[in-house]
Amino acid sequence: MLHSMDAAAGALAATIGSRVRKERRSRRWTLEQLAQVAGVSRRMVVNVEQGASNPSVGTLLRISDALGVGLPALVEPEGPAALRVTRAGDGAVRWHGDRGGRGVLVAGTGRPDVVELWDWTLEPEEVHTSEPHVAGTQELVHVQQGTVTVEVADRSVTLATGDAVSFPGDVSHSYANPHERSARFSLAVFEPGVGTTTRTERPRA
């Protein structure tokens, strides 16, 4: 099982690397130019393009935002534009918690108005903290199991099974499970205008 997970992660890293390289070259950018716009090191860009590293959510979002393509364009399986199916277990795992939690991108739309659909699991005492997304981003959380505490800027709300919340994603926010049972929630992220303007805002993490 562990070997198959490692193989899947390696295949995803290779796919991401190939697509990042393709998008960079289509813009005739050097490695240094992409690194500068994305706010990451040149070595990181090289590692990503070579599939030598499985970049964190933050790094990948910085790169996808710099390229103006949106995260789904870099990680989703290729298929007909109007119909992309993600079978159970085939989503792109983009976050691993210290206790076994996972953040899985299961579906997404193309630019300019990008929508991402995530399936998140937080084990007890796990927290995922996110920097502000680009201006205009909105998020929606719907708890499927357990209890999740969502902090948005200086406000905090605790959601039980079946509860939902919407909030601006362009401020600091986090999702936490301070309880003793696993928690699972669906997360939708809406990012408008991807690739239509020069992005100067701080990318997401």
N, C-alpha and C. Protein backbone atom coordinates (compact mmCIF):
# COMPACT_ATOMS: atom_id res chain seq x y z
N MET A 1 0.84 -1.20 0.00
CA MET A 1 0.00 0.00 0.00
C MET A 1 0.87 1.25 0.00
N LEU A 2 1.91 1.26 0.85
CA LEU A 2 2.80 2.41 0.91
C LEU A 2 3.52 2.61 -0.41
N HIS A 3 3.91 1.47 -1.03
CA HIS A 3 4.60 1.57 -2.32
C HIS A 3 3.70 2.19 -3.37
N SER A 4 2.42 1.79 -3.39
CA SER A 4 1.50 2.34 -4.38
C SER A 4 1.26 3.82 -4.16
N MET A 5 1.24 4.24 -2.87
CA MET A 5 1.07 5.67 -2.57
C MET A 5 2.28 6.45 -3.04
N ASP A 6 3.48 5.90 -2.82
CA ASP A 6 4.70 6.55 -3.27
C ASP A 6 4.72 6.66 -4.79
N ALA A 7 4.28 5.60 -5.47
CA ALA A 7 4.25 5.60 -6.93
C ALA A 7 3.27 6.65 -7.44
N ALA A 8 2.11 6.76 -6.79
CA ALA A 8 1.12 7.75 -7.20
C ALA A 8 1.64 9.17 -7.01
N ALA A 9 2.33 9.39 -5.88
CA ALA A 9 2.90 10.71 -5.60
C ALA A 9 3.97 11.05 -6.63
N GLY A 10 4.78 10.05 -6.99
CA GLY A 10 5.82 10.28 -7.99
C GLY A 10 5.25 10.60 -9.36
N ALA A 11 4.18 9.87 -9.73
CA ALA A 11 3.53 10.12 -11.02
C ALA A 11 2.92 11.51 -11.06
N LEU A 12 2.31 11.94 -9.94
CA LEU A 12 1.71 13.27 -9.88
C LEU A 12 2.78 14.34 -9.97
N ALA A 13 3.91 14.13 -9.28
CA ALA A 13 5.01 15.10 -9.33
C ALA A 13 5.54 15.25 -10.75
N ALA A 14 5.62 14.13 -11.47
CA ALA A 14 6.10 14.17 -12.86
C ALA A 14 5.11 14.93 -13.75
N THR A 15 3.82 14.70 -13.53
CA THR A 15 2.79 15.40 -14.31
C THR A 15 2.85 16.90 -14.06
N ILE A 16 2.96 17.27 -12.79
CA ILE A 16 3.03 18.69 -12.43
C ILE A 16 4.27 19.31 -13.07
N GLY A 17 5.41 18.63 -13.00
CA GLY A 17 6.64 19.16 -13.57
C GLY A 17 6.53 19.40 -15.06
N SER A 18 5.94 18.44 -15.76
CA SER A 18 5.79 18.56 -17.21
C SER A 18 4.90 19.75 -17.58
N ARG A 19 3.83 19.93 -16.82
CA ARG A 19 2.90 21.01 -17.14
C ARG A 19 3.46 22.38 -16.77
N VAL A 20 4.19 22.46 -15.67
CA VAL A 20 4.83 23.72 -15.31
C VAL A 20 5.84 24.11 -16.37
N ARG A 21 6.65 23.15 -16.81
CA ARG A 21 7.65 23.43 -17.84
C ARG A 21 6.99 23.88 -19.14
N LYS A 22 5.90 23.22 -19.53
CA LYS A 22 5.19 23.57 -20.76
C LYS A 22 4.64 24.99 -20.68
N GLU A 23 4.02 25.33 -19.55
CA GLU A 23 3.44 26.67 -19.40
C GLU A 23 4.54 27.73 -19.37
N ARG A 24 5.64 27.43 -18.69
CA ARG A 24 6.74 28.40 -18.63
C ARG A 24 7.32 28.66 -20.01
N ARG A 25 7.57 27.60 -20.76
CA ARG A 25 8.15 27.75 -22.09
C ARG A 25 7.20 28.43 -23.05
N SER A 26 5.89 28.22 -22.88
CA SER A 26 4.93 28.88 -23.78
C SER A 26 4.96 30.39 -23.60
N ARG A 27 5.42 30.84 -22.43
CA ARG A 27 5.56 32.27 -22.16
C ARG A 27 6.98 32.78 -22.45
N ARG A 28 7.85 31.86 -22.84
CA ARG A 28 9.26 32.16 -23.10
C ARG A 28 9.94 32.74 -21.88
N TRP A 29 9.55 32.21 -20.71
CA TRP A 29 10.17 32.63 -19.46
C TRP A 29 11.35 31.72 -19.16
N THR A 30 12.37 32.30 -18.54
CA THR A 30 13.47 31.50 -18.00
C THR A 30 13.04 30.95 -16.64
N LEU A 31 13.84 30.05 -16.14
CA LEU A 31 13.58 29.53 -14.80
C LEU A 31 13.62 30.66 -13.78
N GLU A 32 14.58 31.58 -13.97
CA GLU A 32 14.72 32.71 -13.05
C GLU A 32 13.49 33.60 -13.08
N GLN A 33 12.92 33.82 -14.26
CA GLN A 33 11.74 34.68 -14.37
C GLN A 33 10.55 34.09 -13.64
N LEU A 34 10.31 32.79 -13.84
CA LEU A 34 9.20 32.15 -13.14
C LEU A 34 9.42 32.19 -11.64
N ALA A 35 10.64 31.90 -11.22
CA ALA A 35 10.93 31.92 -9.78
C ALA A 35 10.67 33.30 -9.18
N GLN A 36 11.06 34.35 -9.90
CA GLN A 36 10.87 35.70 -9.40
C GLN A 36 9.40 36.06 -9.29
N VAL A 37 8.63 35.76 -10.34
CA VAL A 37 7.20 36.10 -10.32
C VAL A 37 6.46 35.29 -9.26
N ALA A 38 6.85 34.02 -9.09
CA ALA A 38 6.16 33.16 -8.13
C ALA A 38 6.61 33.39 -6.70
N GLY A 39 7.77 34.03 -6.53
CA GLY A 39 8.27 34.25 -5.19
C GLY A 39 8.85 33.00 -4.55
N VAL A 40 9.44 32.14 -5.38
CA VAL A 40 10.11 30.94 -4.88
C VAL A 40 11.53 30.92 -5.43
N SER A 41 12.34 29.99 -4.95
CA SER A 41 13.72 29.92 -5.41
C SER A 41 13.81 29.26 -6.79
N ARG A 42 14.89 29.56 -7.51
CA ARG A 42 15.13 28.92 -8.81
C ARG A 42 15.27 27.42 -8.61
N ARG A 43 15.94 27.01 -7.55
CA ARG A 43 16.12 25.58 -7.26
C ARG A 43 14.78 24.89 -7.10
N MET A 44 13.83 25.56 -6.46
CA MET A 44 12.50 24.97 -6.30
C MET A 44 11.83 24.76 -7.65
N VAL A 45 11.92 25.76 -8.54
CA VAL A 45 11.33 25.62 -9.87
C VAL A 45 11.97 24.45 -10.62
N VAL A 46 13.29 24.35 -10.54
CA VAL A 46 14.00 23.25 -11.19
C VAL A 46 13.52 21.91 -10.65
N ASN A 47 13.43 21.79 -9.32
CA ASN A 47 12.99 20.55 -8.70
C ASN A 47 11.57 20.18 -9.11
N VAL A 48 10.70 21.19 -9.18
CA VAL A 48 9.32 20.94 -9.58
C VAL A 48 9.26 20.46 -11.01
N GLU A 49 9.96 21.15 -11.92
CA GLU A 49 9.90 20.77 -13.33
C GLU A 49 10.51 19.40 -13.59
N GLN A 50 11.48 19.01 -12.79
CA GLN A 50 12.10 17.70 -12.96
C GLN A 50 11.34 16.59 -12.25
N GLY A 51 10.29 16.96 -11.53
CA GLY A 51 9.53 15.97 -10.79
C GLY A 51 10.31 15.42 -9.62
N ALA A 52 11.33 16.16 -9.19
CA ALA A 52 12.20 15.70 -8.10
C ALA A 52 11.60 15.99 -6.74
N SER A 53 10.57 16.83 -6.71
CA SER A 53 9.93 17.13 -5.44
C SER A 53 8.42 17.19 -5.65
N ASN A 54 7.69 16.86 -4.59
CA ASN A 54 6.23 16.98 -4.62
C ASN A 54 5.91 18.28 -3.88
N PRO A 55 5.73 19.38 -4.59
CA PRO A 55 5.64 20.69 -3.93
C PRO A 55 4.46 20.80 -2.98
N SER A 56 4.62 21.61 -1.96
CA SER A 56 3.55 21.86 -1.01
C SER A 56 2.43 22.62 -1.70
N VAL A 57 1.28 22.67 -1.02
CA VAL A 57 0.15 23.44 -1.56
C VAL A 57 0.55 24.88 -1.80
N GLY A 58 1.26 25.47 -0.82
CA GLY A 58 1.66 26.87 -0.95
C GLY A 58 2.55 27.12 -2.14
N THR A 59 3.56 26.28 -2.32
CA THR A 59 4.48 26.45 -3.45
C THR A 59 3.76 26.28 -4.77
N LEU A 60 2.94 25.25 -4.88
CA LEU A 60 2.24 25.00 -6.13
C LEU A 60 1.25 26.11 -6.47
N LEU A 61 0.61 26.66 -5.46
CA LEU A 61 -0.32 27.76 -5.70
C LEU A 61 0.42 29.01 -6.15
N ARG A 62 1.60 29.25 -5.59
CA ARG A 62 2.39 30.40 -6.03
C ARG A 62 2.78 30.24 -7.51
N ILE A 63 3.18 29.04 -7.88
CA ILE A 63 3.61 28.81 -9.26
C ILE A 63 2.42 28.88 -10.22
N SER A 64 1.30 28.24 -9.87
CA SER A 64 0.14 28.26 -10.76
C SER A 64 -0.41 29.67 -10.90
N ASP A 65 -0.38 30.44 -9.82
CA ASP A 65 -0.86 31.82 -9.89
C ASP A 65 0.07 32.67 -10.75
N ALA A 66 1.38 32.46 -10.60
CA ALA A 66 2.34 33.21 -11.42
C ALA A 66 2.15 32.92 -12.90
N LEU A 67 1.83 31.67 -13.22
CA LEU A 67 1.62 31.28 -14.62
C LEU A 67 0.23 31.69 -15.11
N GLY A 68 -0.66 32.02 -14.17
CA GLY A 68 -2.00 32.45 -14.55
C GLY A 68 -2.86 31.34 -15.09
N VAL A 69 -2.69 30.12 -14.56
CA VAL A 69 -3.44 28.98 -15.09
C VAL A 69 -4.40 28.36 -14.09
N GLY A 70 -4.21 28.62 -12.81
CA GLY A 70 -5.04 27.97 -11.81
C GLY A 70 -4.50 26.60 -11.44
N LEU A 71 -4.68 26.22 -10.20
CA LEU A 71 -4.15 24.96 -9.71
C LEU A 71 -4.67 23.72 -10.46
N PRO A 72 -5.97 23.61 -10.76
CA PRO A 72 -6.45 22.40 -11.44
C PRO A 72 -5.72 22.11 -12.75
N ALA A 73 -5.30 23.14 -13.47
CA ALA A 73 -4.63 22.92 -14.75
C ALA A 73 -3.31 22.18 -14.60
N LEU A 74 -2.72 22.23 -13.41
CA LEU A 74 -1.43 21.58 -13.20
C LEU A 74 -1.54 20.18 -12.64
N VAL A 75 -2.66 19.84 -12.02
CA VAL A 75 -2.72 18.55 -11.31
C VAL A 75 -3.80 17.60 -11.80
N GLU A 76 -4.81 18.09 -12.50
CA GLU A 76 -5.90 17.20 -12.90
C GLU A 76 -5.54 16.34 -14.09
N PRO A 77 -6.10 15.13 -14.17
CA PRO A 77 -5.90 14.28 -15.35
C PRO A 77 -6.44 14.96 -16.60
N GLU A 78 -5.80 14.73 -17.73
CA GLU A 78 -6.28 15.30 -18.97
C GLU A 78 -7.53 14.55 -19.43
N GLY A 79 -8.42 15.28 -20.09
CA GLY A 79 -9.64 14.68 -20.59
C GLY A 79 -10.43 15.71 -21.36
N PRO A 80 -11.59 15.32 -21.93
CA PRO A 80 -12.41 16.30 -22.64
C PRO A 80 -12.74 17.48 -21.75
N ALA A 81 -12.62 18.69 -22.30
CA ALA A 81 -12.80 19.90 -21.49
C ALA A 81 -14.14 19.96 -20.80
N ALA A 82 -15.19 19.45 -21.45
CA ALA A 82 -16.53 19.56 -20.89
C ALA A 82 -16.86 18.45 -19.89
N LEU A 83 -16.01 17.43 -19.81
CA LEU A 83 -16.33 16.30 -18.94
C LEU A 83 -15.05 15.70 -18.38
N ARG A 84 -14.76 16.02 -17.14
CA ARG A 84 -13.59 15.46 -16.47
C ARG A 84 -14.07 14.70 -15.24
N VAL A 85 -13.84 13.42 -15.23
CA VAL A 85 -14.31 12.57 -14.13
C VAL A 85 -13.13 12.19 -13.24
N THR A 86 -13.29 12.37 -11.94
CA THR A 86 -12.31 11.91 -10.97
C THR A 86 -12.94 10.77 -10.17
N ARG A 87 -12.44 9.57 -10.37
CA ARG A 87 -12.98 8.42 -9.64
C ARG A 87 -12.51 8.45 -8.19
N ALA A 88 -13.26 7.76 -7.34
CA ALA A 88 -12.93 7.68 -5.92
C ALA A 88 -11.49 7.20 -5.75
N GLY A 89 -10.73 7.95 -4.97
CA GLY A 89 -9.34 7.59 -4.71
C GLY A 89 -8.34 8.14 -5.71
N ASP A 90 -8.83 8.81 -6.76
CA ASP A 90 -7.93 9.30 -7.82
C ASP A 90 -7.62 10.79 -7.72
N GLY A 91 -8.12 11.47 -6.69
CA GLY A 91 -7.86 12.90 -6.57
C GLY A 91 -6.39 13.18 -6.28
N ALA A 92 -5.99 14.42 -6.51
CA ALA A 92 -4.59 14.82 -6.30
C ALA A 92 -4.39 15.20 -4.83
N VAL A 93 -3.62 14.40 -4.11
CA VAL A 93 -3.35 14.67 -2.70
C VAL A 93 -2.31 15.79 -2.61
N ARG A 94 -2.70 16.95 -2.10
CA ARG A 94 -1.81 18.10 -2.06
C ARG A 94 -1.38 18.49 -0.65
N TRP A 95 -1.94 17.84 0.36
CA TRP A 95 -1.52 18.12 1.74
C TRP A 95 -1.60 16.86 2.56
N HIS A 96 -0.56 16.62 3.36
CA HIS A 96 -0.53 15.51 4.31
C HIS A 96 -0.35 16.08 5.70
N GLY A 97 -1.20 15.70 6.63
CA GLY A 97 -1.05 16.13 8.01
C GLY A 97 -0.11 15.21 8.77
N ASP A 98 0.38 15.70 9.90
CA ASP A 98 1.31 14.93 10.71
C ASP A 98 0.69 13.67 11.29
N ARG A 99 -0.64 13.65 11.40
CA ARG A 99 -1.32 12.51 12.01
C ARG A 99 -2.13 11.69 11.00
N GLY A 100 -1.94 11.98 9.72
CA GLY A 100 -2.62 11.18 8.70
C GLY A 100 -3.71 11.90 7.94
N GLY A 101 -3.98 13.15 8.27
CA GLY A 101 -4.98 13.91 7.53
C GLY A 101 -4.52 14.18 6.10
N ARG A 102 -5.47 14.51 5.23
CA ARG A 102 -5.14 14.75 3.82
C ARG A 102 -6.02 15.85 3.25
N GLY A 103 -5.44 16.60 2.32
CA GLY A 103 -6.21 17.55 1.52
C GLY A 103 -6.13 17.10 0.07
N VAL A 104 -7.26 16.73 -0.51
CA VAL A 104 -7.29 16.13 -1.84
C VAL A 104 -8.10 17.02 -2.80
N LEU A 105 -7.45 17.47 -3.87
CA LEU A 105 -8.15 18.22 -4.91
C LEU A 105 -8.87 17.21 -5.81
N VAL A 106 -10.20 17.22 -5.78
CA VAL A 106 -10.95 16.20 -6.52
C VAL A 106 -11.52 16.70 -7.84
N ALA A 107 -11.67 18.01 -7.99
CA ALA A 107 -12.19 18.55 -9.24
C ALA A 107 -11.89 20.03 -9.31
N GLY A 108 -11.89 20.56 -10.54
CA GLY A 108 -11.64 21.99 -10.71
C GLY A 108 -12.01 22.43 -12.11
N THR A 109 -12.21 23.72 -12.26
CA THR A 109 -12.55 24.29 -13.56
C THR A 109 -11.35 25.04 -14.13
N GLY A 110 -11.44 25.37 -15.41
CA GLY A 110 -10.40 26.15 -16.05
C GLY A 110 -10.56 27.63 -15.79
N ARG A 111 -9.57 28.38 -16.23
CA ARG A 111 -9.60 29.83 -16.07
C ARG A 111 -10.59 30.44 -17.06
N PRO A 112 -11.03 31.68 -16.86
CA PRO A 112 -10.48 32.65 -15.91
C PRO A 112 -11.06 32.56 -14.50
N ASP A 113 -12.30 32.06 -14.36
CA ASP A 113 -12.90 31.97 -13.03
C ASP A 113 -12.76 30.53 -12.55
N VAL A 114 -11.74 30.30 -11.74
CA VAL A 114 -11.37 28.95 -11.33
C VAL A 114 -12.11 28.55 -10.06
N VAL A 115 -12.70 27.36 -10.08
CA VAL A 115 -13.33 26.77 -8.91
C VAL A 115 -12.61 25.47 -8.59
N GLU A 116 -12.19 25.31 -7.35
CA GLU A 116 -11.54 24.09 -6.89
C GLU A 116 -12.46 23.40 -5.88
N LEU A 117 -12.58 22.08 -6.00
CA LEU A 117 -13.35 21.29 -5.04
C LEU A 117 -12.40 20.33 -4.34
N TRP A 118 -12.33 20.43 -3.01
CA TRP A 118 -11.40 19.66 -2.20
C TRP A 118 -12.15 18.74 -1.24
N ASP A 119 -11.51 17.62 -0.92
CA ASP A 119 -11.99 16.70 0.11
C ASP A 119 -10.91 16.66 1.20
N TRP A 120 -11.24 17.20 2.36
CA TRP A 120 -10.26 17.33 3.45
C TRP A 120 -10.59 16.38 4.60
N THR A 121 -9.54 15.77 5.15
CA THR A 121 -9.65 14.99 6.38
C THR A 121 -8.65 15.54 7.38
N LEU A 122 -9.12 15.85 8.57
CA LEU A 122 -8.24 16.30 9.65
C LEU A 122 -8.35 15.30 10.79
N GLU A 123 -7.21 14.75 11.17
CA GLU A 123 -7.19 13.87 12.33
C GLU A 123 -7.13 14.74 13.59
N PRO A 124 -7.37 14.15 14.77
CA PRO A 124 -7.37 14.94 16.01
C PRO A 124 -6.11 15.78 16.16
N GLU A 125 -6.30 17.04 16.51
CA GLU A 125 -5.26 18.03 16.78
C GLU A 125 -4.51 18.51 15.54
N GLU A 126 -4.98 18.17 14.36
CA GLU A 126 -4.35 18.67 13.13
C GLU A 126 -4.91 20.05 12.77
N VAL A 127 -4.04 20.87 12.20
CA VAL A 127 -4.41 22.21 11.78
C VAL A 127 -3.78 22.48 10.42
N HIS A 128 -4.55 23.10 9.52
CA HIS A 128 -3.96 23.60 8.28
C HIS A 128 -4.17 25.11 8.25
N THR A 129 -3.07 25.86 8.16
CA THR A 129 -3.12 27.32 8.14
C THR A 129 -2.80 27.82 6.74
N SER A 130 -3.58 28.78 6.27
CA SER A 130 -3.39 29.31 4.92
C SER A 130 -3.16 30.82 4.98
N GLU A 131 -2.21 31.27 4.19
CA GLU A 131 -2.02 32.71 4.01
C GLU A 131 -3.17 33.24 3.15
N PRO A 132 -3.34 34.56 3.09
CA PRO A 132 -4.39 35.12 2.23
C PRO A 132 -4.22 34.70 0.78
N HIS A 133 -5.31 34.33 0.14
CA HIS A 133 -5.31 34.04 -1.28
C HIS A 133 -5.35 35.37 -2.04
N VAL A 134 -5.34 35.30 -3.36
CA VAL A 134 -5.40 36.53 -4.14
C VAL A 134 -6.75 37.22 -3.95
N ALA A 135 -6.78 38.51 -4.19
CA ALA A 135 -7.96 39.33 -3.94
C ALA A 135 -9.18 38.77 -4.68
N GLY A 136 -10.31 38.74 -3.99
CA GLY A 136 -11.56 38.28 -4.59
C GLY A 136 -11.86 36.81 -4.37
N THR A 137 -10.92 36.07 -3.81
CA THR A 137 -11.13 34.63 -3.58
C THR A 137 -12.20 34.43 -2.50
N GLN A 138 -13.06 33.43 -2.74
CA GLN A 138 -14.08 33.05 -1.77
C GLN A 138 -13.95 31.56 -1.46
N GLU A 139 -14.29 31.17 -0.24
CA GLU A 139 -14.25 29.76 0.15
C GLU A 139 -15.55 29.35 0.81
N LEU A 140 -15.89 28.07 0.63
CA LEU A 140 -17.05 27.49 1.28
C LEU A 140 -16.64 26.16 1.90
N VAL A 141 -17.03 25.93 3.15
CA VAL A 141 -16.72 24.70 3.87
C VAL A 141 -18.02 24.04 4.29
N HIS A 142 -18.12 22.72 4.05
CA HIS A 142 -19.28 21.94 4.49
C HIS A 142 -18.76 20.71 5.21
N VAL A 143 -19.06 20.59 6.50
CA VAL A 143 -18.55 19.49 7.31
C VAL A 143 -19.37 18.22 7.07
N GLN A 144 -18.66 17.16 6.71
CA GLN A 144 -19.31 15.87 6.46
C GLN A 144 -19.25 14.96 7.68
N GLN A 145 -18.23 15.14 8.51
CA GLN A 145 -18.04 14.26 9.66
C GLN A 145 -17.24 14.97 10.72
N GLY A 146 -17.62 14.82 11.98
CA GLY A 146 -16.86 15.40 13.08
C GLY A 146 -17.12 16.89 13.25
N THR A 147 -16.12 17.56 13.81
CA THR A 147 -16.21 18.98 14.12
C THR A 147 -14.96 19.69 13.62
N VAL A 148 -15.16 20.84 12.99
CA VAL A 148 -14.05 21.62 12.43
C VAL A 148 -14.15 23.06 12.92
N THR A 149 -13.04 23.61 13.37
CA THR A 149 -12.99 25.02 13.74
C THR A 149 -12.33 25.81 12.62
N VAL A 150 -13.04 26.80 12.11
CA VAL A 150 -12.53 27.64 11.03
C VAL A 150 -12.23 29.02 11.59
N GLU A 151 -11.00 29.47 11.41
CA GLU A 151 -10.62 30.82 11.84
C GLU A 151 -10.40 31.67 10.61
N VAL A 152 -11.04 32.84 10.58
CA VAL A 152 -10.93 33.76 9.45
C VAL A 152 -10.58 35.13 10.02
N ALA A 153 -9.33 35.58 9.73
CA ALA A 153 -8.84 36.83 10.31
C ALA A 153 -8.96 36.74 11.83
N ASP A 154 -9.78 37.61 12.46
CA ASP A 154 -9.88 37.60 13.92
C ASP A 154 -11.16 36.94 14.41
N ARG A 155 -11.81 36.17 13.53
CA ARG A 155 -13.06 35.50 13.92
C ARG A 155 -12.88 33.99 13.87
N SER A 156 -13.64 33.29 14.70
CA SER A 156 -13.56 31.84 14.77
C SER A 156 -14.96 31.26 14.86
N VAL A 157 -15.19 30.16 14.15
CA VAL A 157 -16.48 29.49 14.22
C VAL A 157 -16.25 27.99 14.25
N THR A 158 -17.02 27.29 15.07
CA THR A 158 -16.93 25.84 15.16
C THR A 158 -18.12 25.22 14.45
N LEU A 159 -17.83 24.32 13.54
CA LEU A 159 -18.86 23.68 12.72
C LEU A 159 -18.98 22.21 13.08
N ALA A 160 -20.20 21.75 13.28
CA ALA A 160 -20.48 20.34 13.53
C ALA A 160 -20.92 19.68 12.22
N THR A 161 -21.10 18.38 12.26
CA THR A 161 -21.52 17.64 11.07
C THR A 161 -22.77 18.26 10.45
N GLY A 162 -22.70 18.56 9.16
CA GLY A 162 -23.83 19.16 8.45
C GLY A 162 -23.78 20.67 8.38
N ASP A 163 -22.96 21.31 9.22
CA ASP A 163 -22.85 22.77 9.20
C ASP A 163 -21.97 23.23 8.03
N ALA A 164 -22.17 24.47 7.62
CA ALA A 164 -21.40 25.05 6.52
C ALA A 164 -21.11 26.51 6.80
N VAL A 165 -20.07 27.04 6.13
CA VAL A 165 -19.73 28.45 6.27
C VAL A 165 -19.11 28.93 4.96
N SER A 166 -19.33 30.18 4.64
CA SER A 166 -18.67 30.82 3.50
C SER A 166 -17.92 32.02 4.02
N PHE A 167 -16.78 32.33 3.38
CA PHE A 167 -15.96 33.43 3.88
C PHE A 167 -14.98 33.89 2.81
N PRO A 168 -14.47 35.11 2.92
CA PRO A 168 -13.45 35.58 1.97
C PRO A 168 -12.14 34.85 2.20
N GLY A 169 -11.54 34.37 1.11
CA GLY A 169 -10.28 33.65 1.22
C GLY A 169 -9.06 34.54 1.07
N ASP A 170 -9.27 35.85 0.92
CA ASP A 170 -8.12 36.75 0.74
C ASP A 170 -7.67 37.38 2.05
N VAL A 171 -7.99 36.69 3.16
CA VAL A 171 -7.45 37.04 4.47
C VAL A 171 -6.90 35.75 5.08
N SER A 172 -6.08 35.88 6.12
CA SER A 172 -5.52 34.69 6.76
C SER A 172 -6.65 33.82 7.31
N HIS A 173 -6.51 32.51 7.16
CA HIS A 173 -7.54 31.60 7.66
C HIS A 173 -6.93 30.23 7.92
N SER A 174 -7.66 29.43 8.69
CA SER A 174 -7.18 28.09 9.01
C SER A 174 -8.35 27.17 9.30
N TYR A 175 -8.06 25.86 9.21
CA TYR A 175 -9.03 24.81 9.53
C TYR A 175 -8.38 23.93 10.59
N ALA A 176 -9.10 23.62 11.66
CA ALA A 176 -8.50 22.84 12.75
C ALA A 176 -9.49 21.82 13.28
N ASN A 177 -8.92 20.72 13.78
CA ASN A 177 -9.72 19.70 14.45
C ASN A 177 -9.15 19.51 15.86
N PRO A 178 -9.66 20.26 16.84
CA PRO A 178 -9.13 20.16 18.20
C PRO A 178 -9.76 19.03 19.00
N HIS A 179 -10.54 18.20 18.35
CA HIS A 179 -11.29 17.18 19.06
C HIS A 179 -10.64 15.80 18.93
N GLU A 180 -11.28 14.79 19.49
CA GLU A 180 -10.69 13.45 19.57
C GLU A 180 -11.16 12.53 18.46
N ARG A 181 -12.01 13.00 17.57
CA ARG A 181 -12.49 12.20 16.46
C ARG A 181 -12.01 12.81 15.15
N SER A 182 -11.86 11.97 14.14
CA SER A 182 -11.50 12.47 12.81
C SER A 182 -12.59 13.39 12.29
N ALA A 183 -12.19 14.36 11.48
CA ALA A 183 -13.15 15.27 10.86
C ALA A 183 -12.94 15.27 9.35
N ARG A 184 -14.02 15.42 8.62
CA ARG A 184 -13.94 15.45 7.17
C ARG A 184 -14.85 16.56 6.65
N PHE A 185 -14.33 17.33 5.69
CA PHE A 185 -15.16 18.41 5.15
C PHE A 185 -14.86 18.63 3.67
N SER A 186 -15.86 19.14 2.97
CA SER A 186 -15.69 19.55 1.59
C SER A 186 -15.34 21.03 1.57
N LEU A 187 -14.40 21.40 0.69
CA LEU A 187 -13.97 22.78 0.57
C LEU A 187 -14.06 23.20 -0.89
N ALA A 188 -14.77 24.28 -1.16
CA ALA A 188 -14.81 24.86 -2.50
C ALA A 188 -14.11 26.20 -2.46
N VAL A 189 -13.23 26.44 -3.42
CA VAL A 189 -12.47 27.69 -3.51
C VAL A 189 -12.76 28.32 -4.86
N PHE A 190 -13.21 29.56 -4.85
CA PHE A 190 -13.48 30.32 -6.07
C PHE A 190 -12.46 31.43 -6.20
N GLU A 191 -11.70 31.41 -7.31
CA GLU A 191 -10.69 32.43 -7.57
C GLU A 191 -10.99 33.08 -8.92
N PRO A 192 -11.46 34.32 -8.92
CA PRO A 192 -11.87 34.97 -10.17
C PRO A 192 -10.71 35.57 -10.95
N GLY A 193 -10.87 35.62 -12.25
CA GLY A 193 -9.96 36.37 -13.10
C GLY A 193 -8.56 35.82 -13.21
N VAL A 194 -8.38 34.52 -13.09
CA VAL A 194 -7.04 33.93 -13.19
C VAL A 194 -6.51 34.10 -14.61
N GLY A 195 -5.32 34.67 -14.72
CA GLY A 195 -4.68 34.82 -16.02
C GLY A 195 -5.16 35.99 -16.86
N THR A 196 -6.07 36.81 -16.32
CA THR A 196 -6.61 37.91 -17.12
C THR A 196 -5.92 39.23 -16.84
N THR A 197 -5.21 39.31 -15.70
CA THR A 197 -4.52 40.55 -15.35
C THR A 197 -3.16 40.19 -14.78
N THR A 198 -2.32 41.19 -14.63
CA THR A 198 -1.02 40.99 -13.98
C THR A 198 -1.26 40.86 -12.49
N ARG A 199 -0.86 39.72 -11.94
CA ARG A 199 -1.13 39.46 -10.53
C ARG A 199 0.00 40.01 -9.68
N THR A 200 -0.34 40.92 -8.78
CA THR A 200 0.67 41.50 -7.90
C THR A 200 0.41 41.16 -6.45
N GLU A 201 -0.74 40.54 -6.15
CA GLU A 201 -1.06 40.19 -4.78
C GLU A 201 -0.19 39.03 -4.31
N ARG A 202 -0.09 38.88 -3.01
CA ARG A 202 0.66 37.76 -2.45
C ARG A 202 -0.10 36.48 -2.74
N PRO A 203 0.52 35.49 -3.38
CA PRO A 203 -0.18 34.26 -3.68
C PRO A 203 -0.55 33.49 -2.42
N ARG A 204 -1.39 32.47 -2.64
CA ARG A 204 -1.88 31.67 -1.53
C ARG A 204 -0.82 30.73 -0.97
N ALA A 205 -1.12 30.21 0.23
CA ALA A 205 -0.29 29.15 0.80
C ALA A 205 -1.21 28.07 1.34
